[in-house]
Amino acid sequence: MMQNIKTVVAEYAAAKTAGNFDVAAVIAGEAVRLIHDIPAAAEIVDRIALEAEQILTGRRNSALASAG
């Protein structure tokens, strides 16, 4: 296969462009199942800030349990 690498790369790129995912496989890990929503960036920042505040004030039990 290494002797045909340029051909294989070109075929893969063409299949990807054409949306032929039988050739250009989409590889996704186990974490895909962990995505349950697609929030706006502002919401993500708000979540991070709230979680940080909870950790800093000791109100997030799971963070405290794993730190100890």
N, C-alpha and C. Protein backbone atom coordinates (compact mmCIF):
# COMPACT_ATOMS: atom_id res chain seq x y z
N MET A 1 0.83 -1.19 0.00
CA MET A 1 0.00 0.00 0.00
C MET A 1 0.87 1.25 0.00
N MET A 2 2.01 1.22 0.66
CA MET A 2 2.86 2.41 0.73
C MET A 2 3.33 2.85 -0.65
N GLN A 3 3.48 1.91 -1.57
CA GLN A 3 3.91 2.30 -2.90
C GLN A 3 2.80 3.05 -3.64
N ASN A 4 1.56 2.91 -3.21
CA ASN A 4 0.42 3.57 -3.85
C ASN A 4 -0.14 4.71 -2.99
N ILE A 5 0.64 5.20 -2.06
CA ILE A 5 0.13 6.17 -1.09
C ILE A 5 -0.46 7.42 -1.76
N LYS A 6 0.19 7.92 -2.80
CA LYS A 6 -0.32 9.12 -3.47
C LYS A 6 -1.68 8.85 -4.10
N THR A 7 -1.83 7.69 -4.68
CA THR A 7 -3.11 7.32 -5.29
C THR A 7 -4.19 7.18 -4.23
N VAL A 8 -3.86 6.51 -3.14
CA VAL A 8 -4.82 6.29 -2.06
C VAL A 8 -5.24 7.62 -1.44
N VAL A 9 -4.28 8.52 -1.21
CA VAL A 9 -4.59 9.83 -0.65
C VAL A 9 -5.52 10.60 -1.58
N ALA A 10 -5.24 10.56 -2.87
CA ALA A 10 -6.09 11.26 -3.85
C ALA A 10 -7.49 10.67 -3.89
N GLU A 11 -7.59 9.35 -3.85
CA GLU A 11 -8.91 8.70 -3.84
C GLU A 11 -9.70 9.05 -2.59
N TYR A 12 -9.02 9.05 -1.46
CA TYR A 12 -9.67 9.39 -0.19
C TYR A 12 -10.17 10.84 -0.23
N ALA A 13 -9.34 11.77 -0.70
CA ALA A 13 -9.72 13.18 -0.78
C ALA A 13 -10.91 13.36 -1.71
N ALA A 14 -10.91 12.68 -2.84
CA ALA A 14 -12.02 12.78 -3.79
C ALA A 14 -13.30 12.22 -3.17
N ALA A 15 -13.20 11.10 -2.48
CA ALA A 15 -14.37 10.50 -1.84
C ALA A 15 -14.91 11.40 -0.74
N LYS A 16 -14.03 12.02 0.02
CA LYS A 16 -14.45 12.94 1.08
C LYS A 16 -15.19 14.13 0.48
N THR A 17 -14.64 14.71 -0.57
CA THR A 17 -15.26 15.85 -1.23
C THR A 17 -16.63 15.47 -1.80
N ALA A 18 -16.74 14.27 -2.33
CA ALA A 18 -17.99 13.80 -2.93
C ALA A 18 -18.99 13.33 -1.88
N GLY A 19 -18.57 13.23 -0.63
CA GLY A 19 -19.46 12.73 0.42
C GLY A 19 -19.62 11.22 0.39
N ASN A 20 -18.68 10.53 -0.22
CA ASN A 20 -18.71 9.08 -0.29
C ASN A 20 -18.02 8.52 0.95
N PHE A 21 -18.79 8.33 1.99
CA PHE A 21 -18.21 7.91 3.26
C PHE A 21 -18.05 6.39 3.36
N ASP A 22 -18.34 5.68 2.27
CA ASP A 22 -17.97 4.27 2.21
C ASP A 22 -16.47 4.16 2.00
N VAL A 23 -15.89 5.15 1.32
CA VAL A 23 -14.45 5.18 1.09
C VAL A 23 -13.78 6.08 2.13
N ALA A 24 -14.31 7.27 2.31
CA ALA A 24 -13.75 8.25 3.25
C ALA A 24 -14.48 8.09 4.58
N ALA A 25 -14.08 7.11 5.33
CA ALA A 25 -14.75 6.78 6.58
C ALA A 25 -14.67 7.92 7.59
N VAL A 26 -15.75 8.08 8.31
CA VAL A 26 -15.79 9.05 9.40
C VAL A 26 -15.47 8.28 10.67
N ILE A 27 -14.41 8.69 11.34
CA ILE A 27 -13.99 8.00 12.55
C ILE A 27 -14.39 8.85 13.74
N ALA A 28 -15.16 8.28 14.63
CA ALA A 28 -15.60 8.98 15.83
C ALA A 28 -15.34 8.09 17.03
N GLY A 29 -14.97 8.71 18.12
CA GLY A 29 -14.66 7.95 19.32
C GLY A 29 -15.87 7.74 20.21
N GLU A 30 -15.63 7.11 21.34
CA GLU A 30 -16.68 6.82 22.30
C GLU A 30 -17.31 8.08 22.87
N ALA A 31 -16.58 9.18 22.84
CA ALA A 31 -17.08 10.42 23.43
C ALA A 31 -18.27 11.00 22.66
N VAL A 32 -18.50 10.54 21.46
CA VAL A 32 -19.62 11.06 20.67
C VAL A 32 -20.93 10.92 21.44
N ARG A 33 -21.10 9.86 22.14
CA ARG A 33 -22.34 9.64 22.89
C ARG A 33 -22.48 10.60 24.08
N LEU A 34 -21.42 11.31 24.42
CA LEU A 34 -21.47 12.25 25.53
C LEU A 34 -22.01 13.61 25.11
N ILE A 35 -22.18 13.83 23.83
CA ILE A 35 -22.69 15.11 23.33
C ILE A 35 -24.21 15.05 23.31
N HIS A 36 -24.82 15.91 24.12
CA HIS A 36 -26.27 15.91 24.21
C HIS A 36 -26.89 17.23 23.76
N ASP A 37 -26.08 18.25 23.57
CA ASP A 37 -26.58 19.53 23.11
C ASP A 37 -25.45 20.31 22.44
N ILE A 38 -25.84 21.36 21.75
CA ILE A 38 -24.84 22.22 21.11
C ILE A 38 -25.16 23.65 21.55
N PRO A 39 -24.66 24.02 22.73
CA PRO A 39 -24.99 25.34 23.27
C PRO A 39 -24.19 26.45 22.59
N ALA A 40 -24.70 27.65 22.73
CA ALA A 40 -23.97 28.82 22.24
C ALA A 40 -22.72 29.02 23.08
N ALA A 41 -21.75 29.73 22.53
CA ALA A 41 -20.49 29.97 23.24
C ALA A 41 -20.74 30.68 24.57
N ALA A 42 -21.66 31.62 24.59
CA ALA A 42 -21.96 32.35 25.84
C ALA A 42 -22.47 31.39 26.92
N GLU A 43 -23.27 30.42 26.52
CA GLU A 43 -23.77 29.45 27.50
C GLU A 43 -22.65 28.57 28.04
N ILE A 44 -21.72 28.20 27.18
CA ILE A 44 -20.58 27.40 27.63
C ILE A 44 -19.76 28.19 28.65
N VAL A 45 -19.50 29.45 28.36
CA VAL A 45 -18.74 30.30 29.29
C VAL A 45 -19.50 30.43 30.60
N ASP A 46 -20.81 30.61 30.54
CA ASP A 46 -21.62 30.71 31.76
C ASP A 46 -21.53 29.42 32.58
N ARG A 47 -21.60 28.27 31.91
CA ARG A 47 -21.49 26.98 32.61
C ARG A 47 -20.14 26.84 33.30
N ILE A 48 -19.09 27.20 32.58
CA ILE A 48 -17.73 27.09 33.15
C ILE A 48 -17.60 28.00 34.36
N ALA A 49 -18.10 29.23 34.25
CA ALA A 49 -18.02 30.18 35.36
C ALA A 49 -18.81 29.68 36.57
N LEU A 50 -20.00 29.14 36.32
CA LEU A 50 -20.82 28.62 37.43
C LEU A 50 -20.13 27.43 38.11
N GLU A 51 -19.60 26.52 37.31
CA GLU A 51 -18.90 25.37 37.88
C GLU A 51 -17.68 25.81 38.68
N ALA A 52 -16.94 26.77 38.16
CA ALA A 52 -15.76 27.27 38.88
C ALA A 52 -16.18 27.91 40.20
N GLU A 53 -17.25 28.68 40.17
CA GLU A 53 -17.74 29.32 41.41
C GLU A 53 -18.15 28.26 42.42
N GLN A 54 -18.85 27.22 41.95
CA GLN A 54 -19.29 26.15 42.85
C GLN A 54 -18.09 25.42 43.46
N ILE A 55 -17.08 25.18 42.67
CA ILE A 55 -15.88 24.50 43.18
C ILE A 55 -15.17 25.38 44.20
N LEU A 56 -15.02 26.65 43.87
CA LEU A 56 -14.30 27.56 44.76
C LEU A 56 -15.02 27.79 46.08
N THR A 57 -16.34 27.73 46.07
CA THR A 57 -17.10 27.94 47.30
C THR A 57 -17.43 26.62 48.00
N GLY A 58 -16.97 25.49 47.45
CA GLY A 58 -17.16 24.21 48.10
C GLY A 58 -18.54 23.63 47.96
N ARG A 59 -19.31 24.10 46.99
CA ARG A 59 -20.68 23.61 46.85
C ARG A 59 -20.78 22.46 45.86
N ARG A 60 -19.71 22.10 45.23
CA ARG A 60 -19.78 21.01 44.25
C ARG A 60 -19.20 19.75 44.87
N ASN A 61 -20.06 18.92 45.39
CA ASN A 61 -19.63 17.74 46.13
C ASN A 61 -18.76 16.80 45.31
N SER A 62 -19.08 16.61 44.03
CA SER A 62 -18.32 15.65 43.22
C SER A 62 -16.88 16.15 43.07
N ALA A 63 -16.67 17.45 42.94
CA ALA A 63 -15.32 17.98 42.82
C ALA A 63 -14.56 17.79 44.12
N LEU A 64 -15.23 17.99 45.21
CA LEU A 64 -14.59 17.85 46.52
C LEU A 64 -14.25 16.39 46.80
N ALA A 65 -15.14 15.49 46.43
CA ALA A 65 -14.91 14.07 46.68
C ALA A 65 -13.73 13.55 45.87
N SER A 66 -13.60 14.00 44.63
CA SER A 66 -12.50 13.49 43.82
C SER A 66 -11.17 14.14 44.21
N ALA A 67 -11.21 15.32 44.83
CA ALA A 67 -9.98 15.98 45.24
C ALA A 67 -9.42 15.37 46.52
N GLY A 68 -10.25 14.72 47.28
CA GLY A 68 -9.82 14.20 48.58
C GLY A 68 -9.35 12.83 48.49
